[in-house]
Amino acid sequence: MDNRLSPQVQMQFMRPGQLEAAAREFPVVYVPFGCIEWHGRHLPLGNDALKAHAILVKCAEKFGGVVFPPIWFHSGFNVEHLVPVCTDLFERLKRTGFRVIIGVSGHNVEEQLEMIDRALKPVVEDSTVTGAALWEVSLSFSAESNTDHAAKWETSNMMFFYPDLVDMAELGDEEIVLDMSPPWGIGGEDPRTEASAKVGERNVELAADAIGRKAQELLDSLPPENRGFGIEKIEPGHWWMV
């Protein structure tokens, strides 16, 4: 698998005609969520959303659909504020013509999935669209596809997608306590011995494939009349911004 991320499925890089063509072909939008937080000394702070976004780009490259830009919302924020904001976003994506909205959290905590679920609920209740809240490995969890915190799996993902952002030398060679405790803040298997770009590539492949299959399943679950692009044409006057 190529680790480059195609701009042709990323909403922020697409022209109106490209967005419309992609949505008519497969009216699915993927929305990656994460947060800015410590991921060891060796990984970037934005790891969670970067990881989710990149996996979704690989998914869209293979299955179709469009990837929304990464959203960095901490799960500790007041969800009573965040849920209405996310509902508004999902409603706007619905009005853009998408029929399936998949929110994917790279933060991997229940609170973030609950937030996405709550935000989706009023958007999908009329059955003209559908959606799901997932972790990036919710559907691919196995011996070859898993997650952790800045350990084997997250380090491997970043080694595959963003090797220039990973600095293993920051970890040194002293013993690391792998239980999330200070000063390391790493939970899982020792990334110095267990992580690799190859492990990350396989994890990404399985996760992206599972999400793509779920997207097709969700689209097929809608009534036939609701499986196509939801507006006549993307143009000023009918549609202007998400």
C-alpha atoms as a PDB file:
ATOM      1  CA  MET A   1       0.000   0.000   0.000  1.00  0.00           C
ATOM      2  CA  ASP A   2       1.226   3.484  -0.910  1.00  0.00           C
ATOM      3  CA  ASN A   3       1.460   5.743   2.136  1.00  0.00           C
ATOM      4  CA  ARG A   4       0.717   8.886   0.116  1.00  0.00           C
ATOM      5  CA  LEU A   5      -2.693  10.471   0.773  1.00  0.00           C
ATOM      6  CA  SER A   6      -4.564  11.397  -2.379  1.00  0.00           C
ATOM      7  CA  PRO A   7      -5.936  14.969  -2.382  1.00  0.00           C
ATOM      8  CA  GLN A   8      -8.664  13.780  -4.771  1.00  0.00           C
ATOM      9  CA  VAL A   9     -10.763  12.316  -1.919  1.00  0.00           C
ATOM     10  CA  GLN A  10     -10.027  15.017   0.675  1.00  0.00           C
ATOM     11  CA  MET A  11     -12.807  17.592   0.769  1.00  0.00           C
ATOM     12  CA  GLN A  12     -10.564  20.584   1.474  1.00  0.00           C
ATOM     13  CA  PHE A  13      -8.576  19.974  -1.710  1.00  0.00           C
ATOM     14  CA  MET A  14     -11.483  19.163  -4.049  1.00  0.00           C
ATOM     15  CA  ARG A  15     -13.109  21.461  -6.583  1.00  0.00           C
ATOM     16  CA  PRO A  16     -16.934  21.566  -6.680  1.00  0.00           C
ATOM     17  CA  GLY A  17     -17.148  19.305  -9.713  1.00  0.00           C
ATOM     18  CA  GLN A  18     -14.851  16.752  -8.105  1.00  0.00           C
ATOM     19  CA  LEU A  19     -16.902  16.720  -4.918  1.00  0.00           C
ATOM     20  CA  GLU A  20     -20.131  16.292  -6.834  1.00  0.00           C
ATOM     21  CA  ALA A  21     -18.728  13.502  -9.003  1.00  0.00           C
ATOM     22  CA  ALA A  22     -17.398  11.601  -5.995  1.00  0.00           C
ATOM     23  CA  ALA A  23     -20.649  11.981  -4.066  1.00  0.00           C
ATOM     24  CA  ARG A  24     -22.744  10.863  -7.016  1.00  0.00           C
ATOM     25  CA  GLU A  25     -20.577   7.772  -7.403  1.00  0.00           C
ATOM     26  CA  PHE A  26     -20.611   6.851  -3.692  1.00  0.00           C
ATOM     27  CA  PRO A  27     -22.490   9.336  -1.462  1.00  0.00           C
ATOM     28  CA  VAL A  28     -20.509   8.614   1.696  1.00  0.00           C
ATOM     29  CA  VAL A  29     -18.635  11.129   3.831  1.00  0.00           C
ATOM     30  CA  TYR A  30     -16.095  10.129   6.466  1.00  0.00           C
ATOM     31  CA  VAL A  31     -15.430  12.502   9.380  1.00  0.00           C
ATOM     32  CA  PRO A  32     -12.231  11.880  11.422  1.00  0.00           C
ATOM     33  CA  PHE A  33     -12.085  12.934  15.073  1.00  0.00           C
ATOM     34  CA  GLY A  34      -9.216  13.079  17.554  1.00  0.00           C
ATOM     35  CA  CYS A  35      -7.620  15.381  20.088  1.00  0.00           C
ATOM     36  CA  ILE A  36      -4.377  17.153  20.806  1.00  0.00           C
ATOM     37  CA  GLU A  37      -2.683  15.174  23.554  1.00  0.00           C
ATOM     38  CA  TRP A  38       0.552  13.613  24.726  1.00  0.00           C
ATOM     39  CA  HIS A  39       1.563  10.535  22.740  1.00  0.00           C
ATOM     40  CA  GLY A  40       4.912   9.774  24.251  1.00  0.00           C
ATOM     41  CA  ARG A  41       7.935  11.890  23.461  1.00  0.00           C
ATOM     42  CA  HIS A  42       8.279  10.324  20.042  1.00  0.00           C
ATOM     43  CA  LEU A  43       4.915  11.006  18.341  1.00  0.00           C
ATOM     44  CA  PRO A  44       3.103  14.205  17.309  1.00  0.00           C
ATOM     45  CA  LEU A  45       0.408  15.592  19.594  1.00  0.00           C
ATOM     46  CA  GLY A  46      -2.215  15.371  16.866  1.00  0.00           C
ATOM     47  CA  ASN A  47      -1.676  11.629  16.367  1.00  0.00           C
ATOM     48  CA  ASP A  48      -5.303  10.564  16.921  1.00  0.00           C
ATOM     49  CA  ALA A  49      -6.999  12.632  14.232  1.00  0.00           C
ATOM     50  CA  LEU A  50      -4.019  12.328  11.867  1.00  0.00           C
ATOM     51  CA  LYS A  51      -4.267   8.547  12.133  1.00  0.00           C
ATOM     52  CA  ALA A  52      -8.047   8.422  11.659  1.00  0.00           C
ATOM     53  CA  HIS A  53      -7.913  10.860   8.750  1.00  0.00           C
ATOM     54  CA  ALA A  54      -5.167   8.970   6.939  1.00  0.00           C
ATOM     55  CA  ILE A  55      -6.930   5.615   7.331  1.00  0.00           C
ATOM     56  CA  LEU A  56     -10.131   7.149   5.962  1.00  0.00           C
ATOM     57  CA  VAL A  57      -8.274   8.573   2.973  1.00  0.00           C
ATOM     58  CA  LYS A  58      -7.007   5.080   2.144  1.00  0.00           C
ATOM     59  CA  CYS A  59     -10.568   3.809   2.592  1.00  0.00           C
ATOM     60  CA  ALA A  60     -11.985   6.431   0.218  1.00  0.00           C
ATOM     61  CA  GLU A  61      -9.265   5.787  -2.339  1.00  0.00           C
ATOM     62  CA  LYS A  62     -10.421   2.166  -2.571  1.00  0.00           C
ATOM     63  CA  PHE A  63     -14.174   2.298  -1.942  1.00  0.00           C
ATOM     64  CA  GLY A  64     -15.129   5.849  -2.857  1.00  0.00           C
ATOM     65  CA  GLY A  65     -16.598   8.695  -0.878  1.00  0.00           C
ATOM     66  CA  VAL A  66     -15.155  11.912   0.508  1.00  0.00           C
ATOM     67  CA  VAL A  67     -13.077  12.577   3.640  1.00  0.00           C
ATOM     68  CA  PHE A  68     -13.808  15.644   5.756  1.00  0.00           C
ATOM     69  CA  PRO A  69     -10.776  17.428   7.297  1.00  0.00           C
ATOM     70  CA  PRO A  70      -9.619  16.173  10.717  1.00  0.00           C
ATOM     71  CA  ILE A  71     -11.439  17.526  13.775  1.00  0.00           C
ATOM     72  CA  TRP A  72      -9.438  17.876  16.993  1.00  0.00           C
ATOM     73  CA  PHE A  73     -12.029  17.826  19.800  1.00  0.00           C
ATOM     74  CA  HIS A  74     -10.904  16.664  23.243  1.00  0.00           C
ATOM     75  CA  SER A  75     -13.289  14.132  24.750  1.00  0.00           C
ATOM     76  CA  GLY A  76     -13.085  16.101  27.978  1.00  0.00           C
ATOM     77  CA  PHE A  77     -14.791  19.117  26.417  1.00  0.00           C
ATOM     78  CA  ASN A  78     -18.367  19.727  27.513  1.00  0.00           C
ATOM     79  CA  VAL A  79     -20.346  17.348  25.284  1.00  0.00           C
ATOM     80  CA  GLU A  80     -23.471  19.436  25.781  1.00  0.00           C
ATOM     81  CA  HIS A  81     -21.649  22.045  23.710  1.00  0.00           C
ATOM     82  CA  LEU A  82     -19.983  19.674  21.271  1.00  0.00           C
ATOM     83  CA  VAL A  83     -22.996  17.532  20.381  1.00  0.00           C
ATOM     84  CA  PRO A  84     -25.025  20.420  18.876  1.00  0.00           C
ATOM     85  CA  VAL A  85     -21.970  21.589  16.933  1.00  0.00           C
ATOM     86  CA  CYS A  86     -21.416  18.099  15.505  1.00  0.00           C
ATOM     87  CA  THR A  87     -25.121  17.720  14.743  1.00  0.00           C
ATOM     88  CA  ASP A  88     -24.971  20.984  12.798  1.00  0.00           C
ATOM     89  CA  LEU A  89     -21.968  19.690  10.854  1.00  0.00           C
ATOM     90  CA  PHE A  90     -23.698  16.394  10.081  1.00  0.00           C
ATOM     91  CA  GLU A  91     -26.865  18.233   9.001  1.00  0.00           C
ATOM     92  CA  ARG A  92     -24.801  20.351   6.628  1.00  0.00           C
ATOM     93  CA  LEU A  93     -23.173  17.260   5.161  1.00  0.00           C
ATOM     94  CA  LYS A  94     -26.643  15.783   4.738  1.00  0.00           C
ATOM     95  CA  ARG A  95     -27.759  18.910   2.866  1.00  0.00           C
ATOM     96  CA  THR A  96     -24.657  18.601   0.692  1.00  0.00           C
ATOM     97  CA  GLY A  97     -26.181  15.383  -0.645  1.00  0.00           C
ATOM     98  CA  PHE A  98     -24.354  12.678   1.274  1.00  0.00           C
ATOM     99  CA  ARG A  99     -26.407   9.651   2.289  1.00  0.00           C
ATOM    100  CA  VAL A 100     -23.967   7.967   4.709  1.00  0.00           C
ATOM    101  CA  ILE A 101     -22.059   9.834   7.419  1.00  0.00           C
ATOM    102  CA  ILE A 102     -19.374   7.881   9.254  1.00  0.00           C
ATOM    103  CA  GLY A 103     -17.666   9.512  12.221  1.00  0.00           C
ATOM    104  CA  VAL A 104     -14.385   7.832  13.091  1.00  0.00           C
ATOM    105  CA  SER A 105     -12.547   8.500  16.341  1.00  0.00           C
ATOM    106  CA  GLY A 106      -8.823   7.938  16.519  1.00  0.00           C
ATOM    107  CA  HIS A 107      -8.923   8.844  20.216  1.00  0.00           C
ATOM    108  CA  ASN A 108     -10.439   5.456  21.069  1.00  0.00           C
ATOM    109  CA  VAL A 109     -12.448   6.354  24.140  1.00  0.00           C
ATOM    110  CA  GLU A 110     -16.128   5.580  24.632  1.00  0.00           C
ATOM    111  CA  GLU A 111     -16.967   9.224  25.342  1.00  0.00           C
ATOM    112  CA  GLN A 112     -16.027  10.291  21.840  1.00  0.00           C
ATOM    113  CA  LEU A 113     -18.107   7.554  20.214  1.00  0.00           C
ATOM    114  CA  GLU A 114     -21.044   8.513  22.403  1.00  0.00           C
ATOM    115  CA  MET A 115     -20.657  12.128  21.316  1.00  0.00           C
ATOM    116  CA  ILE A 116     -20.705  11.162  17.634  1.00  0.00           C
ATOM    117  CA  ASP A 117     -23.674   8.836  18.161  1.00  0.00           C
ATOM    118  CA  ARG A 118     -25.674  11.522  19.943  1.00  0.00           C
ATOM    119  CA  ALA A 119     -24.859  14.055  17.250  1.00  0.00           C
ATOM    120  CA  LEU A 120     -25.896  11.683  14.457  1.00  0.00           C
ATOM    121  CA  LYS A 121     -29.191  10.615  16.004  1.00  0.00           C
ATOM    122  CA  PRO A 122     -31.378  13.592  14.967  1.00  0.00           C
ATOM    123  CA  VAL A 123     -29.747  13.694  11.533  1.00  0.00           C
ATOM    124  CA  VAL A 124     -30.589  10.110  10.570  1.00  0.00           C
ATOM    125  CA  GLU A 125     -34.003   9.766  12.179  1.00  0.00           C
ATOM    126  CA  ASP A 126     -35.922  10.495   8.943  1.00  0.00           C
ATOM    127  CA  SER A 127     -34.204   7.484   7.252  1.00  0.00           C
ATOM    128  CA  THR A 128     -33.104   9.505   4.224  1.00  0.00           C
ATOM    129  CA  VAL A 129     -29.527   9.179   5.471  1.00  0.00           C
ATOM    130  CA  THR A 130     -27.737   6.827   7.822  1.00  0.00           C
ATOM    131  CA  GLY A 131     -24.446   6.733   9.654  1.00  0.00           C
ATOM    132  CA  ALA A 132     -22.208   5.196  12.270  1.00  0.00           C
ATOM    133  CA  ALA A 133     -19.719   6.077  14.979  1.00  0.00           C
ATOM    134  CA  LEU A 134     -16.567   3.955  14.957  1.00  0.00           C
ATOM    135  CA  TRP A 135     -13.045   3.736  16.246  1.00  0.00           C
ATOM    136  CA  GLU A 136     -10.652   3.176  13.388  1.00  0.00           C
ATOM    137  CA  VAL A 137     -10.299  -0.500  14.411  1.00  0.00           C
ATOM    138  CA  SER A 138     -13.852  -1.158  15.641  1.00  0.00           C
ATOM    139  CA  LEU A 139     -14.483  -3.449  12.675  1.00  0.00           C
ATOM    140  CA  SER A 140     -10.988  -4.840  12.040  1.00  0.00           C
ATOM    141  CA  PHE A 141      -9.849  -5.738  15.553  1.00  0.00           C
ATOM    142  CA  SER A 142      -7.593  -8.804  15.347  1.00  0.00           C
ATOM    143  CA  ALA A 143      -4.041  -9.947  15.894  1.00  0.00           C
ATOM    144  CA  GLU A 144      -3.059  -7.731  12.949  1.00  0.00           C
ATOM    145  CA  SER A 145      -5.248  -4.722  13.658  1.00  0.00           C
ATOM    146  CA  ASN A 146      -5.396  -3.050  17.030  1.00  0.00           C
ATOM    147  CA  THR A 147      -4.816   0.185  18.880  1.00  0.00           C
ATOM    148  CA  ASP A 148      -3.088   1.447  22.004  1.00  0.00           C
ATOM    149  CA  HIS A 149      -1.620   4.707  23.257  1.00  0.00           C
ATOM    150  CA  ALA A 150       1.673   5.693  21.631  1.00  0.00           C
ATOM    151  CA  ALA A 151       2.909   2.102  21.795  1.00  0.00           C
ATOM    152  CA  LYS A 152       3.218  -0.615  19.127  1.00  0.00           C
ATOM    153  CA  TRP A 153       0.111   0.183  17.095  1.00  0.00           C
ATOM    154  CA  GLU A 154      -0.075   3.957  17.081  1.00  0.00           C
ATOM    155  CA  THR A 155       3.658   4.234  16.544  1.00  0.00           C
ATOM    156  CA  SER A 156       3.444   1.780  13.637  1.00  0.00           C
ATOM    157  CA  ASN A 157       0.628   3.763  12.023  1.00  0.00           C
ATOM    158  CA  MET A 158       2.674   6.946  12.166  1.00  0.00           C
ATOM    159  CA  MET A 159       5.809   5.160  10.946  1.00  0.00           C
ATOM    160  CA  PHE A 160       3.819   4.153   7.880  1.00  0.00           C
ATOM    161  CA  PHE A 161       2.030   7.428   7.157  1.00  0.00           C
ATOM    162  CA  TYR A 162       4.323  10.091   8.617  1.00  0.00           C
ATOM    163  CA  PRO A 163       7.816   8.653   9.227  1.00  0.00           C
ATOM    164  CA  ASP A 164       9.339  12.136   9.339  1.00  0.00           C
ATOM    165  CA  LEU A 165       7.162  12.990  12.363  1.00  0.00           C
ATOM    166  CA  VAL A 166       8.344  10.007  14.429  1.00  0.00           C
ATOM    167  CA  ASP A 167      11.541  10.298  16.479  1.00  0.00           C
ATOM    168  CA  MET A 168      12.283   7.027  18.252  1.00  0.00           C
ATOM    169  CA  ALA A 169      15.529   8.468  19.617  1.00  0.00           C
ATOM    170  CA  GLU A 170      13.396  10.552  21.985  1.00  0.00           C
ATOM    171  CA  LEU A 171      12.616   7.346  23.908  1.00  0.00           C
ATOM    172  CA  GLY A 172      16.241   6.511  24.633  1.00  0.00           C
ATOM    173  CA  ASP A 173      17.190   3.029  25.828  1.00  0.00           C
ATOM    174  CA  GLU A 174      16.123   3.069  29.476  1.00  0.00           C
ATOM    175  CA  GLU A 175      13.272   0.950  30.781  1.00  0.00           C
ATOM    176  CA  ILE A 176       9.813   2.312  29.938  1.00  0.00           C
ATOM    177  CA  VAL A 177       6.841   1.699  32.208  1.00  0.00           C
ATOM    178  CA  LEU A 178       4.103   0.899  29.692  1.00  0.00           C
ATOM    179  CA  ASP A 179       1.020   1.619  31.810  1.00  0.00           C
ATOM    180  CA  MET A 180       0.361   5.247  30.749  1.00  0.00           C
ATOM    181  CA  SER A 181       2.049   6.564  33.903  1.00  0.00           C
ATOM    182  CA  PRO A 182       4.394   9.590  33.920  1.00  0.00           C
ATOM    183  CA  PRO A 183       6.930  10.390  32.671  1.00  0.00           C
ATOM    184  CA  TRP A 184       6.334   8.200  29.603  1.00  0.00           C
ATOM    185  CA  GLY A 185       2.584   8.315  28.982  1.00  0.00           C
ATOM    186  CA  ILE A 186       2.704   5.176  26.812  1.00  0.00           C
ATOM    187  CA  GLY A 187       0.262   2.284  27.098  1.00  0.00           C
ATOM    188  CA  GLY A 188       0.785  -1.022  25.315  1.00  0.00           C
ATOM    189  CA  GLU A 189       3.774  -2.909  23.943  1.00  0.00           C
ATOM    190  CA  ASP A 190       7.191  -1.258  23.758  1.00  0.00           C
ATOM    191  CA  PRO A 191       7.263   0.642  20.456  1.00  0.00           C
ATOM    192  CA  ARG A 192      11.045   0.445  20.285  1.00  0.00           C
ATOM    193  CA  THR A 193      10.949  -3.308  19.719  1.00  0.00           C
ATOM    194  CA  GLU A 194       7.428  -3.962  18.398  1.00  0.00           C
ATOM    195  CA  ALA A 195       6.564  -1.057  16.095  1.00  0.00           C
ATOM    196  CA  SER A 196       7.357  -0.876  12.396  1.00  0.00           C
ATOM    197  CA  ALA A 197       6.032   0.675   9.213  1.00  0.00           C
ATOM    198  CA  LYS A 198       5.127  -2.841   8.025  1.00  0.00           C
ATOM    199  CA  VAL A 199       2.938  -3.442  11.091  1.00  0.00           C
ATOM    200  CA  GLY A 200       1.315  -0.066  10.472  1.00  0.00           C
ATOM    201  CA  GLU A 201       0.672  -0.780   6.815  1.00  0.00           C
ATOM    202  CA  ARG A 202      -1.163  -4.022   7.592  1.00  0.00           C
ATOM    203  CA  ASN A 203      -3.177  -2.383  10.356  1.00  0.00           C
ATOM    204  CA  VAL A 204      -4.181   0.436   8.004  1.00  0.00           C
ATOM    205  CA  GLU A 205      -5.111  -1.975   5.223  1.00  0.00           C
ATOM    206  CA  LEU A 206      -7.435  -4.002   7.454  1.00  0.00           C
ATOM    207  CA  ALA A 207      -8.994  -0.971   9.125  1.00  0.00           C
ATOM    208  CA  ALA A 208      -9.611   0.868   5.854  1.00  0.00           C
ATOM    209  CA  ASP A 209     -11.137  -2.206   4.210  1.00  0.00           C
ATOM    210  CA  ALA A 210     -13.469  -2.843   7.144  1.00  0.00           C
ATOM    211  CA  ILE A 211     -14.709   0.746   7.198  1.00  0.00           C
ATOM    212  CA  GLY A 212     -15.243   0.724   3.436  1.00  0.00           C
ATOM    213  CA  ARG A 213     -17.320  -2.449   3.634  1.00  0.00           C
ATOM    214  CA  LYS A 214     -19.366  -0.894   6.430  1.00  0.00           C
ATOM    215  CA  ALA A 215     -19.971   2.190   4.317  1.00  0.00           C
ATOM    216  CA  GLN A 216     -21.342   0.045   1.485  1.00  0.00           C
ATOM    217  CA  GLU A 217     -23.486  -1.921   3.922  1.00  0.00           C
ATOM    218  CA  LEU A 218     -24.945   1.275   5.368  1.00  0.00           C
ATOM    219  CA  LEU A 219     -25.709   2.690   1.933  1.00  0.00           C
ATOM    220  CA  ASP A 220     -27.399  -0.567   0.903  1.00  0.00           C
ATOM    221  CA  SER A 221     -29.525  -0.432   4.062  1.00  0.00           C
ATOM    222  CA  LEU A 222     -31.322   2.703   2.879  1.00  0.00           C
ATOM    223  CA  PRO A 223     -34.472   2.540   0.755  1.00  0.00           C
ATOM    224  CA  PRO A 224     -33.477   2.424  -2.935  1.00  0.00           C
ATOM    225  CA  GLU A 225     -34.812   5.929  -3.547  1.00  0.00           C
ATOM    226  CA  ASN A 226     -32.452   7.310  -0.887  1.00  0.00           C
ATOM    227  CA  ARG A 227     -29.204   5.739  -2.062  1.00  0.00           C
ATOM    228  CA  GLY A 228     -28.299   8.355  -4.651  1.00  0.00           C
ATOM    229  CA  PHE A 229     -26.773  11.794  -4.325  1.00  0.00           C
ATOM    230  CA  GLY A 230     -29.239  13.915  -2.400  1.00  0.00           C
ATOM    231  CA  ILE A 231     -29.291  17.212  -4.316  1.00  0.00           C
ATOM    232  CA  GLU A 232     -29.724  18.142  -7.945  1.00  0.00           C
ATOM    233  CA  LYS A 233     -26.452  19.999  -8.379  1.00  0.00           C
ATOM    234  CA  ILE A 234     -23.716  21.617  -6.311  1.00  0.00           C
ATOM    235  CA  GLU A 235     -23.789  25.266  -7.340  1.00  0.00           C
ATOM    236  CA  PRO A 236     -24.165  28.735  -5.769  1.00  0.00           C
ATOM    237  CA  GLY A 237     -27.734  29.418  -4.806  1.00  0.00           C
ATOM    238  CA  HIS A 238     -28.442  25.815  -3.920  1.00  0.00           C
ATOM    239  CA  TRP A 239     -25.301  24.956  -1.991  1.00  0.00           C
ATOM    240  CA  TRP A 240     -22.541  27.204  -0.781  1.00  0.00           C
ATOM    241  CA  MET A 241     -20.654  25.819   2.209  1.00  0.00           C
ATOM    242  CA  VAL A 242     -20.552  23.044   4.772  1.00  0.00           C
END
